[in-house]
Protein backbone atom coordinates (compact mmCIF):
# COMPACT_ATOMS: atom_id res chain seq x y z
CA MET A 1 -24.52 -37.54 -44.28
CA THR A 2 -27.90 -35.88 -44.36
CA VAL A 3 -30.23 -36.46 -41.68
CA ASP A 4 -32.40 -38.45 -44.37
CA SER A 5 -29.50 -40.32 -45.32
CA ILE A 6 -28.82 -41.11 -41.41
CA VAL A 7 -32.29 -42.38 -40.65
CA THR A 8 -32.44 -44.46 -43.72
CA LEU A 9 -29.28 -46.31 -42.76
CA VAL A 10 -30.49 -46.56 -39.49
CA LEU A 11 -33.84 -48.14 -40.36
CA VAL A 12 -31.96 -50.69 -43.04
CA ILE A 13 -29.87 -51.88 -40.50
CA VAL A 14 -32.62 -52.44 -38.31
CA LEU A 15 -34.82 -54.03 -41.06
CA PHE A 16 -31.02 -56.09 -41.58
CA LEU A 17 -31.20 -57.68 -37.92
CA GLY A 18 -34.94 -57.88 -38.44
CA LEU A 19 -34.19 -60.15 -41.41
CA LEU A 20 -31.88 -62.20 -39.68
CA ALA A 21 -34.22 -62.79 -36.27
CA VAL A 22 -36.99 -64.66 -38.48
CA ARG A 23 -34.34 -66.89 -39.85
CA LEU A 24 -33.50 -65.80 -42.88
CA HIS A 25 -30.48 -66.23 -44.71
CA VAL A 26 -27.57 -63.98 -44.28
CA GLY A 27 -27.09 -63.28 -48.46
CA LEU A 28 -30.99 -62.66 -48.57
CA SER A 29 -30.98 -60.38 -45.36
CA LEU A 30 -28.18 -58.03 -46.53
CA MET A 31 -29.49 -58.20 -50.41
CA LEU A 32 -32.95 -57.33 -49.27
CA ALA A 33 -32.36 -54.67 -46.48
CA GLY A 34 -29.76 -53.07 -49.05
CA LEU A 35 -32.44 -52.91 -51.75
CA ALA A 36 -34.80 -51.47 -49.53
CA GLY A 37 -32.41 -48.60 -48.61
CA VAL A 38 -31.45 -48.29 -52.50
CA VAL A 39 -35.51 -47.72 -52.83
CA VAL A 40 -35.80 -44.84 -50.07
CA LEU A 41 -32.64 -42.74 -51.84
CA ARG A 42 -33.09 -43.45 -55.18
CA GLY A 43 -36.55 -44.77 -56.29
CA THR A 44 -37.67 -48.43 -57.75
CA GLY A 45 -35.86 -48.12 -60.85
CA ALA A 46 -32.50 -47.91 -59.35
CA ALA A 47 -33.24 -50.92 -56.98
CA VAL A 48 -34.46 -53.07 -59.96
CA GLY A 49 -31.41 -52.42 -61.81
CA THR A 50 -29.30 -53.00 -59.38
CA ALA A 51 -31.09 -56.56 -58.57
CA ALA A 52 -30.73 -57.41 -61.90
CA ASN A 53 -27.04 -56.18 -62.70
CA GLN A 54 -25.28 -57.08 -59.17
CA PRO A 55 -25.28 -60.87 -59.16
CA TYR A 56 -23.69 -60.41 -62.62
CA SER A 57 -21.61 -58.10 -61.84
CA THR A 58 -20.57 -60.31 -58.52
CA ALA A 59 -19.99 -63.55 -60.36
CA ALA A 60 -18.53 -62.25 -63.58
CA ASP A 61 -14.85 -62.17 -62.22
CA TYR A 62 -11.93 -64.20 -63.09
CA SER A 63 -10.49 -64.02 -59.94
CA LEU A 64 -13.36 -65.56 -58.67
CA THR A 65 -13.08 -69.12 -60.32
CA ILE A 66 -10.23 -69.94 -57.34
CA ILE A 67 -13.69 -70.27 -55.18
CA PRO A 68 -15.47 -73.28 -56.27
CA LEU A 69 -12.21 -74.72 -57.45
CA PHE A 70 -10.93 -74.71 -53.59
CA ILE A 71 -14.24 -76.01 -52.82
CA VAL A 72 -14.24 -78.84 -55.37
CA MET A 73 -10.81 -79.72 -53.96
CA GLY A 74 -11.69 -79.84 -50.22
CA VAL A 75 -14.91 -81.81 -50.77
CA LEU A 76 -13.05 -84.34 -52.87
CA ALA A 77 -10.34 -84.66 -50.48
CA VAL A 78 -13.33 -85.04 -47.49
CA ASN A 79 -15.16 -87.67 -49.63
CA ALA A 80 -11.81 -89.55 -50.28
CA GLY A 81 -11.23 -89.82 -46.59
CA LEU A 82 -8.12 -87.69 -46.39
CA ALA A 83 -9.84 -85.65 -43.41
CA GLN A 84 -10.47 -88.46 -41.04
CA ALA A 85 -7.04 -89.31 -41.87
CA GLY A 86 -5.36 -86.59 -41.25
CA PHE A 87 -7.75 -86.62 -37.82
CA ASP A 88 -6.59 -90.33 -36.73
CA PHE A 89 -2.84 -89.32 -37.48
CA ALA A 90 -3.53 -85.66 -35.11
CA SER A 91 -4.94 -88.57 -33.01
CA ARG A 92 -2.18 -90.77 -32.75
CA VAL A 93 0.67 -88.26 -32.84
CA LEU A 94 -0.58 -86.08 -30.00
CA GLY A 95 -2.68 -88.73 -27.90
CA ARG A 96 -0.18 -89.32 -25.07
CA LEU A 97 0.37 -85.58 -24.61
CA PRO A 98 -1.59 -83.71 -22.19
CA GLY A 99 -4.97 -83.23 -23.32
CA GLY A 100 -4.67 -85.28 -26.26
CA SER A 101 -7.83 -85.81 -27.47
CA ALA A 102 -8.35 -81.84 -27.51
CA LEU A 103 -5.37 -81.88 -29.43
CA ALA A 104 -6.82 -84.34 -32.01
CA SER A 105 -9.89 -81.88 -32.05
CA LEU A 106 -8.10 -78.84 -32.88
CA ALA A 107 -6.45 -80.64 -35.38
CA GLY A 108 -9.81 -81.87 -37.19
CA SER A 109 -11.63 -78.99 -36.67
CA GLY A 110 -8.97 -77.03 -38.56
CA LEU A 111 -8.93 -79.42 -41.57
CA PHE A 112 -12.77 -79.03 -41.46
CA ALA A 113 -12.53 -75.49 -41.50
CA ALA A 114 -10.40 -75.26 -44.07
CA VAL A 115 -12.53 -77.43 -46.38
CA THR A 116 -15.52 -75.49 -45.63
CA GLY A 117 -14.36 -71.90 -45.13
CA SER A 118 -16.96 -71.38 -42.46
CA SER A 119 -16.44 -71.27 -39.03
CA VAL A 120 -20.30 -72.19 -37.91
CA ALA A 121 -20.28 -75.23 -40.25
CA THR A 122 -17.03 -76.55 -38.38
CA VAL A 123 -18.47 -76.12 -35.28
CA ALA A 124 -21.83 -77.71 -35.79
CA THR A 125 -20.29 -80.59 -37.40
CA MET A 126 -17.43 -81.19 -35.01
CA ALA A 127 -19.38 -80.59 -31.65
CA ARG A 128 -20.90 -83.81 -31.36
CA VAL A 129 -18.14 -86.15 -32.08
CA SER A 130 -15.19 -84.03 -30.51
CA THR A 131 -17.04 -83.42 -27.32
CA ASP A 132 -17.93 -87.10 -26.91
CA ALA A 133 -14.17 -88.22 -27.36
CA ILE A 134 -12.86 -85.38 -25.01
CA VAL A 135 -15.42 -85.94 -22.37
CA LYS A 136 -14.60 -89.70 -22.28
CA ALA A 137 -11.09 -88.71 -21.98
CA GLY A 138 -12.25 -87.08 -18.82
CA LEU A 139 -11.11 -83.68 -19.94
CA GLY A 140 -14.93 -82.38 -19.12
CA LEU A 141 -17.58 -80.06 -21.02
CA ARG A 142 -15.90 -76.82 -20.90
CA LEU A 143 -12.70 -77.99 -22.26
CA ALA A 144 -14.52 -79.58 -25.08
CA ALA A 145 -16.60 -76.28 -25.87
CA GLY A 146 -13.50 -73.84 -25.94
CA VAL A 147 -11.79 -76.22 -27.89
CA VAL A 148 -14.62 -76.82 -30.47
CA CYS A 149 -15.67 -73.30 -30.59
CA ALA A 150 -11.89 -71.79 -31.43
CA GLY A 151 -10.95 -74.69 -33.68
CA GLY A 152 -13.41 -73.51 -35.79
CA THR A 153 -12.00 -70.39 -36.53
CA LEU A 154 -8.49 -72.15 -37.73
CA GLY A 155 -9.72 -72.50 -41.42
CA VAL A 156 -9.70 -68.74 -41.73
CA LEU A 157 -6.22 -68.47 -41.98
CA ILE A 158 -4.66 -71.93 -43.01
CA PRO A 159 -4.40 -72.68 -46.78
CA PRO A 160 -6.69 -72.90 -49.05
CA SER A 161 -8.82 -70.10 -46.98
CA ILE A 162 -12.01 -69.19 -48.92
CA VAL A 163 -12.32 -66.13 -46.59
CA LEU A 164 -8.64 -64.77 -47.61
CA VAL A 165 -9.67 -65.40 -51.21
CA LEU A 166 -12.74 -63.12 -50.52
CA TYR A 167 -10.71 -60.87 -48.80
CA GLY A 168 -8.10 -60.59 -51.44
CA VAL A 169 -11.06 -60.15 -53.85
CA VAL A 170 -12.57 -57.31 -51.98
CA ALA A 171 -9.52 -55.43 -51.05
CA SER A 172 -7.95 -55.63 -54.43
CA GLU A 173 -4.79 -57.47 -52.44
CA SER A 174 -3.01 -60.24 -54.46
CA ILE A 175 -4.78 -63.67 -53.31
CA GLY A 176 -1.57 -65.94 -53.40
CA GLN A 177 0.63 -63.37 -51.52
CA LEU A 178 -2.65 -63.74 -48.39
CA LEU A 179 -2.66 -67.50 -48.98
CA LEU A 180 1.01 -67.75 -47.96
CA GLY A 181 0.73 -65.09 -45.63
CA GLY A 182 -1.95 -66.76 -43.50
CA ILE A 183 0.44 -69.94 -42.74
CA GLY A 184 2.54 -68.42 -40.05
CA PRO A 185 -0.43 -66.54 -38.08
CA GLY A 186 -2.11 -70.13 -38.73
CA LEU A 187 0.57 -72.21 -37.35
CA LEU A 188 0.89 -69.78 -34.70
CA THR A 189 -2.86 -70.20 -33.58
CA ILE A 190 -2.57 -73.61 -33.50
CA LEU A 191 0.00 -73.55 -31.35
CA ALA A 192 -1.08 -71.12 -28.99
CA TYR A 193 -4.50 -73.04 -28.98
CA ALA A 194 -2.78 -76.24 -28.25
CA ALA A 195 -0.64 -74.59 -25.43
CA THR A 196 -3.78 -73.07 -23.77
CA ALA A 197 -5.35 -76.61 -23.98
CA MET A 198 -2.21 -78.22 -22.66
CA ILE A 199 -2.02 -75.73 -19.55
CA ILE A 200 -5.68 -76.00 -18.56
CA VAL A 201 -5.32 -80.06 -18.61
CA SER A 202 -2.07 -79.71 -16.68
CA VAL A 203 -3.67 -77.21 -14.27
CA ARG A 204 -6.36 -79.94 -13.69
CA ARG A 205 -4.82 -82.74 -13.54
CA ARG A 206 -2.40 -81.29 -10.68
CA ARG A 207 -5.36 -80.10 -8.88
CA HIS A 208 -7.04 -83.73 -9.35
CA ARG A 209 -3.76 -85.69 -7.86
CA ALA A 210 -3.93 -83.19 -4.72
CA GLU A 211 -7.23 -84.15 -4.15
CA ALA A 212 -6.74 -87.79 -4.71
CA ALA A 213 -3.90 -87.43 -2.26
CA GLU A 214 -6.04 -86.18 0.34
CA THR A 215 -8.52 -88.82 -0.22
CA ASP A 216 -6.16 -91.39 0.13
CA ALA A 217 -4.48 -89.61 3.56
CA ALA A 218 -8.25 -89.90 4.57
CA ASP A 219 -8.64 -93.31 3.87
CA GLY A 220 -5.94 -94.03 5.67
CA GLY A 221 -3.68 -94.98 2.56
CA ARG A 222 -5.87 -97.64 0.98
CA GLY A 223 -6.00 -95.23 -1.82
CA GLY A 224 -8.64 -92.95 -4.01
CA THR A 225 -9.71 -92.73 -6.91
CA SER A 226 -7.96 -91.04 -9.88
CA THR A 227 -9.93 -89.10 -12.43
CA ALA A 228 -6.79 -89.00 -15.04
CA THR A 229 -7.89 -91.29 -18.01
CA ARG A 230 -5.25 -92.11 -21.05
CA VAL A 231 -5.90 -91.64 -24.25
CA ASP A 232 -6.25 -94.23 -26.65
CA THR A 233 -3.82 -94.07 -29.10
CA ALA A 234 -4.37 -97.26 -30.80
CA THR A 235 -6.24 -95.72 -33.40
CA LYS A 236 -4.82 -97.32 -36.73
CA VAL A 237 -3.48 -94.41 -38.77
CA ASP A 238 -4.06 -94.18 -42.84
CA VAL A 239 -0.57 -93.29 -43.58
CA MET A 240 -1.33 -92.95 -47.37
CA GLY A 241 -3.98 -90.62 -46.72
CA VAL A 242 -1.56 -88.22 -44.59
CA VAL A 243 0.58 -88.24 -47.73
CA PHE A 244 -2.33 -87.71 -50.08
CA LEU A 245 -3.14 -84.63 -47.74
CA GLY A 246 0.44 -83.43 -48.25
CA VAL A 247 0.13 -84.08 -51.95
CA ILE A 248 -3.06 -81.95 -52.15
CA PHE A 249 -0.94 -79.03 -50.02
CA GLY A 250 2.05 -79.00 -52.00
CA THR A 251 0.11 -79.08 -55.57
CA SER A 252 -1.85 -76.26 -54.59
CA ILE A 253 -0.10 -74.22 -52.18
CA GLY A 254 3.50 -75.26 -53.07
CA THR A 255 3.08 -74.13 -56.70
CA ILE A 256 2.02 -70.52 -55.52
CA TYR A 257 4.93 -70.19 -53.56
CA LEU A 258 7.29 -71.41 -55.86
CA GLY A 259 5.42 -68.70 -58.52
CA VAL A 260 4.90 -71.55 -61.17
CA ALA A 261 1.26 -70.96 -61.36
CA THR A 262 -1.37 -68.37 -60.26
CA PRO A 263 -3.72 -68.77 -57.41
CA THR A 264 -6.44 -69.95 -60.05
CA GLU A 265 -4.01 -72.32 -61.76
CA ALA A 266 -2.85 -73.59 -58.65
CA ALA A 267 -6.67 -73.87 -57.50
CA SER A 268 -7.13 -76.16 -60.59
CA PHE A 269 -3.94 -78.46 -60.14
CA GLY A 270 -5.12 -79.02 -56.44
CA ALA A 271 -8.81 -79.72 -57.51
CA LEU A 272 -7.23 -82.17 -60.46
CA ALA A 273 -5.22 -84.12 -57.72
CA ALA A 274 -8.09 -84.36 -55.29
CA LEU A 275 -10.35 -86.25 -57.91
CA ILE A 276 -7.25 -88.67 -58.71
CA ILE A 277 -6.64 -89.32 -55.48
CA MET A 278 -10.13 -90.00 -54.77
CA LEU A 279 -10.58 -92.19 -57.59
CA LEU A 280 -7.57 -94.08 -56.03
CA ARG A 281 -8.90 -94.51 -52.65
CA VAL A 282 -12.43 -95.19 -53.61
CA ARG A 283 -13.64 -98.40 -55.39
CA PRO A 284 -14.67 -98.06 -58.93
CA PRO A 285 -18.47 -99.06 -58.32
CA GLN A 286 -18.50 -95.98 -55.66
CA TRP A 287 -16.97 -93.75 -58.31
CA ILE A 288 -20.63 -92.42 -59.40
CA ALA A 289 -21.98 -91.90 -55.81
CA ARG A 290 -18.57 -90.16 -54.68
CA LEU A 291 -18.76 -88.04 -57.27
CA LYS A 292 -22.28 -87.25 -57.39
CA GLU A 293 -22.47 -86.43 -53.86
CA SER A 294 -19.09 -84.51 -54.32
CA VAL A 295 -20.57 -82.17 -56.97
CA THR A 296 -23.56 -81.60 -54.98
CA GLU A 297 -21.99 -80.17 -51.98
CA ALA A 298 -19.67 -78.31 -53.73
CA ILE A 299 -22.64 -76.86 -56.06
CA GLY A 300 -24.27 -75.94 -52.43
CA LEU A 301 -21.33 -74.26 -51.11
CA THR A 302 -20.52 -72.40 -54.25
CA ALA A 303 -23.85 -71.02 -54.29
CA MET A 304 -23.87 -70.02 -50.57
CA THR A 305 -20.34 -68.26 -51.30
CA PHE A 306 -21.82 -66.29 -54.21
CA LEU A 307 -25.33 -65.45 -52.36
CA LEU A 308 -23.37 -63.91 -49.71
CA MET A 309 -20.84 -61.71 -51.83
CA THR A 310 -24.10 -60.51 -54.09
CA GLY A 311 -26.07 -59.43 -50.86
CA ALA A 312 -22.74 -58.14 -49.28
CA GLY A 313 -22.44 -55.92 -53.03
CA VAL A 314 -25.86 -54.64 -52.83
CA PHE A 315 -25.76 -53.87 -48.95
CA THR A 316 -22.24 -51.90 -49.49
CA TYR A 317 -23.63 -50.11 -52.73
CA PHE A 318 -26.46 -48.78 -50.42
CA LEU A 319 -23.89 -47.82 -47.91
CA ALA A 320 -21.70 -45.79 -50.56
CA LEU A 321 -25.07 -44.18 -51.82
CA SER A 322 -26.17 -43.06 -48.03
CA GLY A 323 -22.60 -41.64 -47.46
CA ALA A 324 -21.73 -43.70 -44.70
CA SER A 325 -18.65 -45.15 -46.22
CA ALA A 326 -17.41 -41.71 -46.81
CA ALA A 327 -18.29 -39.92 -43.80
CA LEU A 328 -16.66 -43.18 -41.91
CA VAL A 329 -13.64 -42.17 -43.51
CA ASP A 330 -13.87 -38.66 -42.87
CA VAL A 331 -14.16 -39.53 -39.36
CA VAL A 332 -11.38 -41.32 -39.05
CA VAL A 333 -9.26 -38.89 -41.00
CA ASN A 334 -10.43 -35.75 -39.29
CA ALA A 335 -9.75 -37.36 -35.98
CA ASP A 336 -5.97 -37.18 -36.25
CA LEU A 337 -5.65 -40.49 -34.15
CA GLN A 338 -2.50 -42.24 -33.77
CA PRO A 339 -2.25 -45.01 -37.04
CA TYR A 340 -1.89 -47.82 -34.99
CA LEU A 341 -4.96 -46.53 -32.35
CA VAL A 342 -6.91 -46.18 -35.60
CA LEU A 343 -5.84 -49.82 -36.20
CA VAL A 344 -6.98 -51.32 -32.70
CA LEU A 345 -10.01 -49.27 -33.28
CA CYS A 346 -11.22 -50.60 -36.63
CA LEU A 347 -10.32 -54.19 -35.39
CA LEU A 348 -12.45 -53.59 -32.47
CA LEU A 349 -15.40 -52.67 -34.61
CA LEU A 350 -15.67 -55.91 -35.97
CA LEU A 351 -16.32 -57.91 -32.74
CA PRO A 352 -19.69 -56.74 -32.53
CA LEU A 353 -20.58 -57.97 -36.23
CA GLY A 354 -19.37 -61.45 -34.60
CA MET A 355 -22.98 -61.35 -32.80
CA PHE A 356 -25.20 -61.35 -35.86
CA LEU A 357 -22.71 -62.83 -39.06
CA ASP A 358 -20.33 -65.25 -40.02
CA GLY A 359 -16.78 -64.68 -41.00
CA ILE A 360 -17.49 -64.44 -44.71
CA SER A 361 -20.35 -62.31 -44.27
CA MET A 362 -17.91 -59.95 -41.89
CA ILE A 363 -15.25 -59.59 -44.46
CA LEU A 364 -17.68 -59.02 -47.20
CA ILE A 365 -18.77 -56.07 -45.26
CA ALA A 366 -16.03 -54.78 -43.32
CA ALA A 367 -13.31 -55.20 -46.07
CA PRO A 368 -14.54 -52.61 -48.32
CA LEU A 369 -14.67 -49.93 -45.42
CA LEU A 370 -11.50 -50.74 -43.12
CA HIS A 371 -8.90 -51.71 -46.05
CA PRO A 372 -8.95 -48.03 -47.77
CA ILE A 373 -8.52 -45.98 -44.29
CA LEU A 374 -5.79 -48.38 -42.86
CA THR A 375 -4.00 -48.62 -46.04
CA GLY A 376 -3.95 -44.94 -46.11
CA TYR A 377 -1.80 -45.21 -42.63
CA ASP A 378 0.70 -46.89 -45.04
CA PHE A 379 0.11 -50.37 -43.22
CA ASP A 380 0.89 -53.06 -45.58
CA GLY A 381 -2.12 -54.54 -47.52
CA ILE A 382 -1.20 -58.20 -46.97
CA TRP A 383 -0.34 -57.83 -43.21
CA LEU A 384 -3.64 -55.81 -42.64
CA GLY A 385 -5.75 -58.36 -44.41
CA ILE A 386 -4.29 -61.27 -42.07
CA ILE A 387 -5.10 -59.07 -39.00
CA ILE A 388 -8.54 -58.01 -40.04
CA VAL A 389 -9.26 -61.74 -40.93
CA LYS A 390 -8.11 -62.96 -37.84
CA VAL A 391 -9.98 -60.69 -35.81
CA ALA A 392 -13.42 -61.34 -37.72
CA GLU A 393 -13.45 -65.00 -36.94
CA MET A 394 -12.15 -64.15 -33.17
CA ALA A 395 -15.58 -62.24 -33.28
CA LEU A 396 -17.27 -65.57 -33.37
CA ILE A 397 -15.81 -66.86 -30.37
CA THR A 398 -16.20 -63.45 -28.22
CA PRO A 399 -19.11 -62.92 -25.43
CA PRO A 400 -21.96 -61.71 -25.13
CA VAL A 401 -22.95 -63.32 -28.53
CA GLY A 402 -20.19 -65.24 -30.41
CA MET A 403 -22.16 -67.28 -32.77
CA ASN A 404 -19.98 -70.06 -32.71
CA ALA A 405 -20.87 -70.34 -28.89
CA PHE A 406 -24.47 -70.20 -29.86
CA VAL A 407 -24.21 -72.83 -32.48
CA TYR A 408 -21.94 -75.05 -29.75
CA SER A 409 -24.76 -74.89 -27.13
CA GLY A 410 -27.76 -75.96 -29.66
CA ALA A 411 -25.43 -78.93 -30.79
CA VAL A 412 -24.37 -79.82 -27.01
CA PRO A 413 -27.61 -78.77 -24.79
CA GLU A 414 -26.25 -80.35 -21.69
CA ALA A 415 -23.03 -77.61 -22.18
CA GLY A 416 -25.31 -74.71 -21.38
CA LEU A 417 -24.27 -71.26 -22.64
CA GLY A 418 -22.35 -69.75 -19.66
CA LYS A 419 -20.39 -73.34 -19.25
CA VAL A 420 -19.82 -73.02 -23.05
CA PHE A 421 -18.50 -69.18 -22.95
CA ARG A 422 -16.33 -70.02 -19.40
CA GLY A 423 -14.46 -72.76 -21.73
CA ILE A 424 -14.18 -70.16 -24.55
CA GLY A 425 -12.51 -67.80 -22.37
CA PRO A 426 -9.28 -68.93 -22.23
CA PHE A 427 -8.85 -69.11 -26.11
CA ILE A 428 -10.00 -65.78 -26.24
CA LEU A 429 -6.85 -64.67 -24.43
CA ALA A 430 -4.46 -66.94 -26.61
CA ASP A 431 -6.18 -65.06 -29.79
CA VAL A 432 -5.78 -61.60 -27.96
CA VAL A 433 -1.86 -62.65 -27.56
CA VAL A 434 -1.65 -63.88 -31.20
CA VAL A 435 -2.82 -60.75 -32.66
CA ALA A 436 -1.00 -58.67 -30.53
CA LEU A 437 2.12 -60.52 -32.36
CA LEU A 438 1.15 -60.11 -35.28
CA ILE A 439 0.89 -56.41 -34.71
CA ALA A 440 4.43 -55.92 -33.50
CA VAL A 441 6.15 -58.85 -35.03
CA PRO A 442 4.80 -58.26 -39.11
CA GLY A 443 7.13 -60.96 -40.43
CA ILE A 444 5.37 -63.49 -38.80
CA VAL A 445 2.56 -62.59 -41.84
CA THR A 446 5.01 -61.40 -44.64
CA PHE A 447 7.90 -63.56 -44.20
CA LEU A 448 6.35 -66.44 -46.57
CA PRO A 449 5.13 -63.70 -49.28
CA GLU A 450 8.71 -61.75 -49.60
CA LEU A 451 10.07 -64.80 -50.06
CA SER A 452 8.25 -66.50 -52.48
CA SER A 453 7.27 -65.01 -56.25
CA ALA A 454 3.53 -65.38 -55.74
CA THR A 455 1.57 -62.64 -57.53
């Protein structure tokens, strides 16, 4: 890179951060900053051409039709009450376990995150409801903060994941195999989070029992007050809603696994199944209103996703023009480092991005840069994609500026940032363990893709 290119790169990054600081949409911030860089490097004509061509070149890709189809499927499922049915079922099944309300919150966050594809939106939506339930059960604000912030990251791996679809598009990897590859790590992450929550609750209850015993002895055996509360497990379970959730999952992901449908076809089958189920579960007088609500929400989410993609495309084009992309590759290759050390260093680069961007934005910017570098070391592309996506979402709960923590503290002001980060800490450790296991045992990712006929 020349000195002029380096100066331009720094100024563009500063401009981008400044636009984010004034709360401009991430997609527009990426686009305007990228266009400013193109103007400096190639002139106004090149910037105008980029602005004119990038939206079409981004959207005019058949493989991207899977995104609005998955979004429609998720929105219809929510409006059919299936997400609530899954949450109630989890509450009933998990309610008698230590920290049952926290475990139910993890399940609800996973469902919502899988529908929206946004960790930040999940935290903003689940924060108040889940916090009230967890605090009512006597488990405290710290655990509530950790569960909600960590739970928001679950949807990136659990199909149907918009983030994995986008990674497949920008990295030219099989979308079907990425979706299947995310199932094992997604379930492993849920187990790690659930185990973490149960350990925290068990330790807290032992401490409370010890304190109660001391109080009882001081009172001469008259009995102290127990802080343990029982989670209400009398919630009515919508059995058919749970069954319908399984039908939608089997229709979309099952057909990919069996190789009877491409990912796009499977998404269309899932969307059709969700539409039929919604019509079956909603009274006819409400059909038009629910459909209008679903279409409006799906259009908004789709437009937001494609705006992010367009902005990231412009910014990535600027990085290529400036020589930053090629320079990064040259630095890594010429350093002659061990492959796994390169992998760890590249993954660590994702953590600072979590200070400013959500998971989708991080993937759109980082994947085109990191994927070619790491596949050059003969790492499996599907395995690599799952790990990059996992760490990208992990960045959103990593101090000092994990975005999910700020979103949660804004929704639940009484928690305070310090308490939120302390609550998140154990779940970050759980994520580190999961990532280490994925690196040490690649079969957790590759097992299902290798068995399936997905392409």
